[in-house]
């Protein structure tokens, strides 16, 4: 995770290998640092979670199979190229 210097309410994060800008404005200012796990929904960071909770969520998503793979493919297709 990298907080964008020109937009402190946004951070660049890795979502299953896809870089995305997400809004971290709902979290306490300064409460997230690179390496933290965060729960994201529709582009917003909702809360910090620990690694075990993140792994459980990822395991669940992977267990639903093709729907998860389709979502990740859609994310990759919509990826914004960095300059």
PDB file of N, CA and C in Angstrom:
ATOM      1  N   UNK A   1       0.837  -1.176   0.000  1.00  0.00           N
ATOM      2  CA  UNK A   1       0.000   0.000   0.000  1.00  0.00           C
ATOM      3  C   UNK A   1       0.877   1.233   0.000  1.00  0.00           C
ATOM      4  N   UNK A   2       0.510   2.191  -0.807  1.00  0.00           N
ATOM      5  CA  UNK A   2       1.228   3.459  -0.871  1.00  0.00           C
ATOM      6  C   UNK A   2       0.211   4.595  -0.900  1.00  0.00           C
ATOM      7  N   UNK A   3       0.244   5.462   0.106  1.00  0.00           N
ATOM      8  CA  UNK A   3      -0.639   6.627   0.132  1.00  0.00           C
ATOM      9  C   UNK A   3      -0.155   7.587  -0.949  1.00  0.00           C
ATOM     10  N   UNK A   4      -1.075   8.071  -1.759  1.00  0.00           N
ATOM     11  CA  UNK A   4      -0.714   8.970  -2.854  1.00  0.00           C
ATOM     12  C   UNK A   4      -0.413  10.361  -2.289  1.00  0.00           C
ATOM     13  N   UNK A   5       0.748  10.896  -2.639  1.00  0.00           N
ATOM     14  CA  UNK A   5       1.204  12.160  -2.050  1.00  0.00           C
ATOM     15  C   UNK A   5       0.290  13.335  -2.399  1.00  0.00           C
ATOM     16  N   UNK A   6      -0.281  13.333  -3.588  1.00  0.00           N
ATOM     17  CA  UNK A   6      -1.149  14.437  -3.995  1.00  0.00           C
ATOM     18  C   UNK A   6      -2.610  14.237  -3.585  1.00  0.00           C
ATOM     19  N   UNK A   7      -2.936  13.036  -3.096  1.00  0.00           N
ATOM     20  CA  UNK A   7      -4.299  12.708  -2.644  1.00  0.00           C
ATOM     21  C   UNK A   7      -4.204  11.847  -1.393  1.00  0.00           C
ATOM     22  N   UNK A   8      -4.025  12.438  -0.218  1.00  0.00           N
ATOM     23  CA  UNK A   8      -3.836  11.647   0.999  1.00  0.00           C
ATOM     24  C   UNK A   8      -5.036  10.794   1.397  1.00  0.00           C
ATOM     25  N   UNK A   9      -6.176  10.981   0.715  1.00  0.00           N
ATOM     26  CA  UNK A   9      -7.343  10.135   0.969  1.00  0.00           C
ATOM     27  C   UNK A   9      -7.338   8.878   0.095  1.00  0.00           C
ATOM     28  N   UNK A  10      -6.342   8.761  -0.797  1.00  0.00           N
ATOM     29  CA  UNK A  10      -6.240   7.604  -1.685  1.00  0.00           C
ATOM     30  C   UNK A  10      -4.944   6.845  -1.443  1.00  0.00           C
ATOM     31  N   UNK A  11      -5.011   5.539  -1.622  1.00  0.00           N
ATOM     32  CA  UNK A  11      -3.828   4.690  -1.512  1.00  0.00           C
ATOM     33  C   UNK A  11      -3.829   3.697  -2.663  1.00  0.00           C
ATOM     34  N   UNK A  12      -2.647   3.393  -3.186  1.00  0.00           N
ATOM     35  CA  UNK A  12      -2.505   2.375  -4.206  1.00  0.00           C
ATOM     36  C   UNK A  12      -2.283   1.054  -3.479  1.00  0.00           C
ATOM     37  N   UNK A  13      -3.126   0.074  -3.758  1.00  0.00           N
ATOM     38  CA  UNK A  13      -3.065  -1.217  -3.074  1.00  0.00           C
ATOM     39  C   UNK A  13      -2.992  -2.344  -4.097  1.00  0.00           C
ATOM     40  N   UNK A  14      -2.596  -3.513  -3.624  1.00  0.00           N
ATOM     41  CA  UNK A  14      -2.540  -4.710  -4.451  1.00  0.00           C
ATOM     42  C   UNK A  14      -3.732  -5.591  -4.075  1.00  0.00           C
ATOM     43  N   UNK A  15      -4.598  -5.837  -5.052  1.00  0.00           N
ATOM     44  CA  UNK A  15      -5.763  -6.706  -4.850  1.00  0.00           C
ATOM     45  C   UNK A  15      -5.550  -7.935  -5.728  1.00  0.00           C
ATOM     46  N   UNK A  16      -5.067  -9.009  -5.123  1.00  0.00           N
ATOM     47  CA  UNK A  16      -4.804 -10.256  -5.853  1.00  0.00           C
ATOM     48  C   UNK A  16      -3.947 -10.020  -7.093  1.00  0.00           C
ATOM     49  N   UNK A  17      -2.917  -9.197  -6.931  1.00  0.00           N
ATOM     50  CA  UNK A  17      -1.990  -8.943  -8.026  1.00  0.00           C
ATOM     51  C   UNK A  17      -2.361  -7.790  -8.931  1.00  0.00           C
ATOM     52  N   UNK A  18      -3.476  -7.119  -8.664  1.00  0.00           N
ATOM     53  CA  UNK A  18      -3.926  -5.985  -9.466  1.00  0.00           C
ATOM     54  C   UNK A  18      -3.787  -4.721  -8.629  1.00  0.00           C
ATOM     55  N   UNK A  19      -3.072  -3.721  -9.153  1.00  0.00           N
ATOM     56  CA  UNK A  19      -2.916  -2.449  -8.439  1.00  0.00           C
ATOM     57  C   UNK A  19      -4.163  -1.604  -8.646  1.00  0.00           C
ATOM     58  N   UNK A  20      -4.714  -1.098  -7.524  1.00  0.00           N
ATOM     59  CA  UNK A  20      -5.911  -0.270  -7.552  1.00  0.00           C
ATOM     60  C   UNK A  20      -5.753   0.901  -6.597  1.00  0.00           C
ATOM     61  N   UNK A  21      -6.307   2.049  -6.964  1.00  0.00           N
ATOM     62  CA  UNK A  21      -6.390   3.181  -6.049  1.00  0.00           C
ATOM     63  C   UNK A  21      -7.691   3.033  -5.276  1.00  0.00           C
ATOM     64  N   UNK A  22      -7.592   3.085  -3.949  1.00  0.00           N
ATOM     65  CA  UNK A  22      -8.787   2.986  -3.117  1.00  0.00           C
ATOM     66  C   UNK A  22      -8.846   4.180  -2.167  1.00  0.00           C
ATOM     67  N   UNK A  23     -10.046   4.489  -1.734  1.00  0.00           N
ATOM     68  CA  UNK A  23     -10.251   5.597  -0.813  1.00  0.00           C
ATOM     69  C   UNK A  23     -10.051   5.100   0.617  1.00  0.00           C
ATOM     70  N   UNK A  24      -9.137   5.737   1.357  1.00  0.00           N
ATOM     71  CA  UNK A  24      -8.878   5.360   2.749  1.00  0.00           C
ATOM     72  C   UNK A  24      -9.437   6.410   3.719  1.00  0.00           C
ATOM     73  N   UNK A  25     -10.282   7.285   3.210  1.00  0.00           N
ATOM     74  CA  UNK A  25     -10.838   8.368   4.011  1.00  0.00           C
ATOM     75  C   UNK A  25     -11.732   7.920   5.156  1.00  0.00           C
ATOM     76  N   UNK A  26     -12.273   6.699   5.077  1.00  0.00           N
ATOM     77  CA  UNK A  26     -13.131   6.207   6.162  1.00  0.00           C
ATOM     78  C   UNK A  26     -12.323   5.687   7.350  1.00  0.00           C
ATOM     79  N   UNK A  27     -11.027   5.477   7.145  1.00  0.00           N
ATOM     80  CA  UNK A  27     -10.170   4.991   8.226  1.00  0.00           C
ATOM     81  C   UNK A  27      -9.586   6.173   8.993  1.00  0.00           C
ATOM     82  N   UNK A  28      -9.218   5.927  10.230  1.00  0.00           N
ATOM     83  CA  UNK A  28      -8.602   6.974  11.041  1.00  0.00           C
ATOM     84  C   UNK A  28      -7.328   7.446  10.354  1.00  0.00           C
ATOM     85  N   UNK A  29      -7.171   8.760  10.239  1.00  0.00           N
ATOM     86  CA  UNK A  29      -6.008   9.335   9.544  1.00  0.00           C
ATOM     87  C   UNK A  29      -4.704   8.796  10.138  1.00  0.00           C
ATOM     88  N   UNK A  30      -3.836   8.305   9.268  1.00  0.00           N
ATOM     89  CA  UNK A  30      -2.543   7.803   9.698  1.00  0.00           C
ATOM     90  C   UNK A  30      -2.571   6.415  10.308  1.00  0.00           C
ATOM     91  N   UNK A  31      -3.734   5.745  10.253  1.00  0.00           N
ATOM     92  CA  UNK A  31      -3.843   4.445  10.921  1.00  0.00           C
ATOM     93  C   UNK A  31      -3.365   3.279  10.059  1.00  0.00           C
ATOM     94  N   UNK A  32      -3.140   3.501   8.771  1.00  0.00           N
ATOM     95  CA  UNK A  32      -2.669   2.420   7.909  1.00  0.00           C
ATOM     96  C   UNK A  32      -1.278   2.732   7.378  1.00  0.00           C
ATOM     97  N   UNK A  33      -0.494   1.687   7.292  1.00  0.00           N
ATOM     98  CA  UNK A  33       0.880   1.812   6.782  1.00  0.00           C
ATOM     99  C   UNK A  33       1.120   0.666   5.805  1.00  0.00           C
ATOM    100  N   UNK A  34       2.135   0.805   4.943  1.00  0.00           N
ATOM    101  CA  UNK A  34       2.452  -0.289   4.023  1.00  0.00           C
ATOM    102  C   UNK A  34       2.607  -1.608   4.781  1.00  0.00           C
ATOM    103  N   UNK A  35       2.013  -2.661   4.225  1.00  0.00           N
ATOM    104  CA  UNK A  35       2.045  -3.975   4.854  1.00  0.00           C
ATOM    105  C   UNK A  35       0.782  -4.317   5.616  1.00  0.00           C
ATOM    106  N   UNK A  36      -0.052  -3.309   5.921  1.00  0.00           N
ATOM    107  CA  UNK A  36      -1.322  -3.565   6.607  1.00  0.00           C
ATOM    108  C   UNK A  36      -2.293  -4.270   5.660  1.00  0.00           C
ATOM    109  N   UNK A  37      -3.168  -5.068   6.243  1.00  0.00           N
ATOM    110  CA  UNK A  37      -4.262  -5.703   5.514  1.00  0.00           C
ATOM    111  C   UNK A  37      -5.505  -4.865   5.766  1.00  0.00           C
ATOM    112  N   UNK A  38      -6.251  -4.562   4.697  1.00  0.00           N
ATOM    113  CA  UNK A  38      -7.469  -3.779   4.854  1.00  0.00           C
ATOM    114  C   UNK A  38      -8.618  -4.446   4.102  1.00  0.00           C
ATOM    115  N   UNK A  39      -9.802  -4.296   4.650  1.00  0.00           N
ATOM    116  CA  UNK A  39     -11.014  -4.811   4.025  1.00  0.00           C
ATOM    117  C   UNK A  39     -11.537  -3.729   3.092  1.00  0.00           C
ATOM    118  N   UNK A  40     -11.702  -4.078   1.814  1.00  0.00           N
ATOM    119  CA  UNK A  40     -12.113  -3.113   0.793  1.00  0.00           C
ATOM    120  C   UNK A  40     -13.462  -3.533   0.220  1.00  0.00           C
ATOM    121  N   UNK A  41     -14.329  -2.553   0.028  1.00  0.00           N
ATOM    122  CA  UNK A  41     -15.604  -2.798  -0.648  1.00  0.00           C
ATOM    123  C   UNK A  41     -15.871  -1.626  -1.575  1.00  0.00           C
ATOM    124  N   UNK A  42     -16.159  -1.905  -2.818  1.00  0.00           N
ATOM    125  CA  UNK A  42     -16.426  -0.924  -3.880  1.00  0.00           C
ATOM    126  C   UNK A  42     -15.494   0.292  -3.833  1.00  0.00           C
ATOM    127  N   UNK A  43     -14.200   0.015  -3.678  1.00  0.00           N
ATOM    128  CA  UNK A  43     -13.208   1.078  -3.749  1.00  0.00           C
ATOM    129  C   UNK A  43     -12.941   1.830  -2.466  1.00  0.00           C
ATOM    130  N   UNK A  44     -13.557   1.420  -1.362  1.00  0.00           N
ATOM    131  CA  UNK A  44     -13.348   2.080  -0.078  1.00  0.00           C
ATOM    132  C   UNK A  44     -12.748   1.108   0.927  1.00  0.00           C
ATOM    133  N   UNK A  45     -11.742   1.564   1.650  1.00  0.00           N
ATOM    134  CA  UNK A  45     -11.188   0.781   2.752  1.00  0.00           C
ATOM    135  C   UNK A  45     -12.140   0.935   3.931  1.00  0.00           C
ATOM    136  N   UNK A  46     -12.675  -0.203   4.386  1.00  0.00           N
ATOM    137  CA  UNK A  46     -13.661  -0.155   5.473  1.00  0.00           C
ATOM    138  C   UNK A  46     -13.020  -0.313   6.845  1.00  0.00           C
ATOM    139  N   UNK A  47     -11.989  -1.177   6.934  1.00  0.00           N
ATOM    140  CA  UNK A  47     -11.338  -1.396   8.223  1.00  0.00           C
ATOM    141  C   UNK A  47     -10.014  -2.115   8.014  1.00  0.00           C
ATOM    142  N   UNK A  48      -9.163  -1.994   9.021  1.00  0.00           N
ATOM    143  CA  UNK A  48      -7.939  -2.795   9.047  1.00  0.00           C
ATOM    144  C   UNK A  48      -8.303  -4.171   9.580  1.00  0.00           C
ATOM    145  N   UNK A  49      -7.682  -5.203   9.017  1.00  0.00           N
ATOM    146  CA  UNK A  49      -7.892  -6.561   9.499  1.00  0.00           C
ATOM    147  C   UNK A  49      -6.535  -7.216   9.673  1.00  0.00           C
ATOM    148  N   UNK A  50      -6.499  -8.305  10.441  1.00  0.00           N
ATOM    149  CA  UNK A  50      -5.212  -8.974  10.607  1.00  0.00           C
ATOM    150  C   UNK A  50      -5.007  -9.976   9.471  1.00  0.00           C
ATOM    151  N   UNK A  51      -3.801 -10.499   9.376  1.00  0.00           N
ATOM    152  CA  UNK A  51      -3.443 -11.387   8.273  1.00  0.00           C
ATOM    153  C   UNK A  51      -4.291 -12.664   8.260  1.00  0.00           C
ATOM    154  N   UNK A  52      -4.619 -13.195   9.451  1.00  0.00           N
ATOM    155  CA  UNK A  52      -5.435 -14.408   9.514  1.00  0.00           C
ATOM    156  C   UNK A  52      -6.834 -14.159   8.951  1.00  0.00           C
ATOM    157  N   UNK A  53      -7.425 -13.013   9.292  1.00  0.00           N
ATOM    158  CA  UNK A  53      -8.748 -12.672   8.769  1.00  0.00           C
ATOM    159  C   UNK A  53      -8.689 -12.466   7.256  1.00  0.00           C
ATOM    160  N   UNK A  54      -7.607 -11.825   6.776  1.00  0.00           N
ATOM    161  CA  UNK A  54      -7.446 -11.627   5.341  1.00  0.00           C
ATOM    162  C   UNK A  54      -7.314 -12.966   4.624  1.00  0.00           C
ATOM    163  N   UNK A  55      -6.539 -13.885   5.184  1.00  0.00           N
ATOM    164  CA  UNK A  55      -6.366 -15.199   4.573  1.00  0.00           C
ATOM    165  C   UNK A  55      -7.696 -15.951   4.528  1.00  0.00           C
ATOM    166  N   UNK A  56      -8.469 -15.887   5.587  1.00  0.00           N
ATOM    167  CA  UNK A  56      -9.772 -16.555   5.617  1.00  0.00           C
ATOM    168  C   UNK A  56     -10.693 -15.987   4.539  1.00  0.00           C
ATOM    169  N   UNK A  57     -10.692 -14.680   4.371  1.00  0.00           N
ATOM    170  CA  UNK A  57     -11.528 -14.054   3.346  1.00  0.00           C
ATOM    171  C   UNK A  57     -11.080 -14.476   1.948  1.00  0.00           C
ATOM    172  N   UNK A  58      -9.764 -14.473   1.712  1.00  0.00           N
ATOM    173  CA  UNK A  58      -9.253 -14.895   0.408  1.00  0.00           C
ATOM    174  C   UNK A  58      -9.540 -16.363   0.134  1.00  0.00           C
ATOM    175  N   UNK A  59      -9.382 -17.199   1.149  1.00  0.00           N
ATOM    176  CA  UNK A  59      -9.689 -18.626   0.989  1.00  0.00           C
ATOM    177  C   UNK A  59     -11.150 -18.814   0.593  1.00  0.00           C
ATOM    178  N   UNK A  60     -12.049 -18.064   1.241  1.00  0.00           N
ATOM    179  CA  UNK A  60     -13.463 -18.166   0.903  1.00  0.00           C
ATOM    180  C   UNK A  60     -13.708 -17.747  -0.544  1.00  0.00           C
ATOM    181  N   UNK A  61     -13.140 -16.596  -0.922  1.00  0.00           N
ATOM    182  CA  UNK A  61     -13.351 -16.110  -2.288  1.00  0.00           C
ATOM    183  C   UNK A  61     -12.837 -17.108  -3.321  1.00  0.00           C
ATOM    184  N   UNK A  62     -11.673 -17.692  -3.039  1.00  0.00           N
ATOM    185  CA  UNK A  62     -11.119 -18.679  -3.963  1.00  0.00           C
ATOM    186  C   UNK A  62     -11.969 -19.939  -3.999  1.00  0.00           C
ATOM    187  N   UNK A  63     -12.649 -20.261  -2.901  1.00  0.00           N
ATOM    188  CA  UNK A  63     -13.468 -21.476  -2.847  1.00  0.00           C
ATOM    189  C   UNK A  63     -14.734 -21.363  -3.695  1.00  0.00           C
ATOM    190  N   UNK A  64     -15.154 -20.137  -4.009  1.00  0.00           N
ATOM    191  CA  UNK A  64     -16.356 -20.004  -4.834  1.00  0.00           C
ATOM    192  C   UNK A  64     -16.044 -20.165  -6.315  1.00  0.00           C
ATOM    193  N   UNK A  65     -14.764 -20.347  -6.618  1.00  0.00           N
ATOM    194  CA  UNK A  65     -14.362 -20.776  -7.952  1.00  0.00           C
ATOM    195  C   UNK A  65     -14.449 -19.745  -9.043  1.00  0.00           C
ATOM    196  N   UNK A  66     -15.184 -20.100 -10.093  1.00  0.00           N
ATOM    197  CA  UNK A  66     -15.185 -19.321 -11.324  1.00  0.00           C
ATOM    198  C   UNK A  66     -15.649 -17.880 -11.119  1.00  0.00           C
ATOM    199  N   UNK A  67     -16.601 -17.657 -10.249  1.00  0.00           N
ATOM    200  CA  UNK A  67     -17.082 -16.290 -10.012  1.00  0.00           C
ATOM    201  C   UNK A  67     -15.939 -15.403  -9.521  1.00  0.00           C
ATOM    202  N   UNK A  68     -15.093 -15.949  -8.646  1.00  0.00           N
ATOM    203  CA  UNK A  68     -13.936 -15.197  -8.151  1.00  0.00           C
ATOM    204  C   UNK A  68     -12.944 -14.947  -9.284  1.00  0.00           C
ATOM    205  N   UNK A  69     -12.668 -15.973 -10.071  1.00  0.00           N
ATOM    206  CA  UNK A  69     -11.733 -15.827 -11.191  1.00  0.00           C
ATOM    207  C   UNK A  69     -12.237 -14.788 -12.192  1.00  0.00           C
ATOM    208  N   UNK A  70     -13.538 -14.784 -12.454  1.00  0.00           N
ATOM    209  CA  UNK A  70     -14.118 -13.802 -13.370  1.00  0.00           C
ATOM    210  C   UNK A  70     -13.962 -12.385 -12.832  1.00  0.00           C
ATOM    211  N   UNK A  71     -14.150 -12.225 -11.521  1.00  0.00           N
ATOM    212  CA  UNK A  71     -14.006 -10.902 -10.900  1.00  0.00           C
ATOM    213  C   UNK A  71     -12.567 -10.404 -10.986  1.00  0.00           C
ATOM    214  N   UNK A  72     -11.607 -11.278 -10.720  1.00  0.00           N
ATOM    215  CA  UNK A  72     -10.192 -10.894 -10.808  1.00  0.00           C
ATOM    216  C   UNK A  72      -9.832 -10.552 -12.254  1.00  0.00           C
ATOM    217  N   UNK A  73     -10.342 -11.313 -13.217  1.00  0.00           N
ATOM    218  CA  UNK A  73     -10.089 -11.015 -14.632  1.00  0.00           C
ATOM    219  C   UNK A  73     -10.654  -9.647 -14.999  1.00  0.00           C
ATOM    220  N   UNK A  74     -11.844  -9.328 -14.489  1.00  0.00           N
ATOM    221  CA  UNK A  74     -12.445  -8.018 -14.754  1.00  0.00           C
ATOM    222  C   UNK A  74     -11.607  -6.904 -14.138  1.00  0.00           C
ATOM    223  N   UNK A  75     -11.062  -7.137 -12.948  1.00  0.00           N
ATOM    224  CA  UNK A  75     -10.179  -6.154 -12.326  1.00  0.00           C
ATOM    225  C   UNK A  75      -8.945  -5.918 -13.177  1.00  0.00           C
ATOM    226  N   UNK A  76      -8.331  -7.004 -13.638  1.00  0.00           N
ATOM    227  CA  UNK A  76      -7.127  -6.870 -14.472  1.00  0.00           C
ATOM    228  C   UNK A  76      -7.431  -6.110 -15.758  1.00  0.00           C
ATOM    229  N   UNK A  77      -8.574  -6.398 -16.375  1.00  0.00           N
ATOM    230  CA  UNK A  77      -8.960  -5.730 -17.616  1.00  0.00           C
ATOM    231  C   UNK A  77      -9.216  -4.250 -17.420  1.00  0.00           C
ATOM    232  N   UNK A  78      -9.617  -3.853 -16.220  1.00  0.00           N
ATOM    233  CA  UNK A  78      -9.923  -2.445 -15.970  1.00  0.00           C
ATOM    234  C   UNK A  78      -8.767  -1.697 -15.326  1.00  0.00           C
ATOM    235  N   UNK A  79      -7.606  -2.357 -15.210  1.00  0.00           N
ATOM    236  CA  UNK A  79      -6.467  -1.762 -14.517  1.00  0.00           C
ATOM    237  C   UNK A  79      -6.025  -0.466 -15.193  1.00  0.00           C
ATOM    238  N   UNK A  80      -5.789   0.524 -14.368  1.00  0.00           N
ATOM    239  CA  UNK A  80      -5.310   1.815 -14.852  1.00  0.00           C
ATOM    240  C   UNK A  80      -3.796   1.731 -14.923  1.00  0.00           C
ATOM    241  N   UNK A  81      -3.258   2.064 -16.073  1.00  0.00           N
ATOM    242  CA  UNK A  81      -1.808   2.009 -16.270  1.00  0.00           C
ATOM    243  C   UNK A  81      -1.142   3.165 -15.532  1.00  0.00           C
ATOM    244  N   UNK A  82      -0.048   2.844 -14.852  1.00  0.00           N
ATOM    245  CA  UNK A  82       0.729   3.881 -14.170  1.00  0.00           C
ATOM    246  C   UNK A  82       1.646   4.546 -15.188  1.00  0.00           C
ATOM    247  N   UNK A  83       1.865   5.833 -15.016  1.00  0.00           N
ATOM    248  CA  UNK A  83       2.753   6.569 -15.924  1.00  0.00           C
ATOM    249  C   UNK A  83       4.131   6.646 -15.355  1.00  0.00           C
TER     250      UNK A  83
END
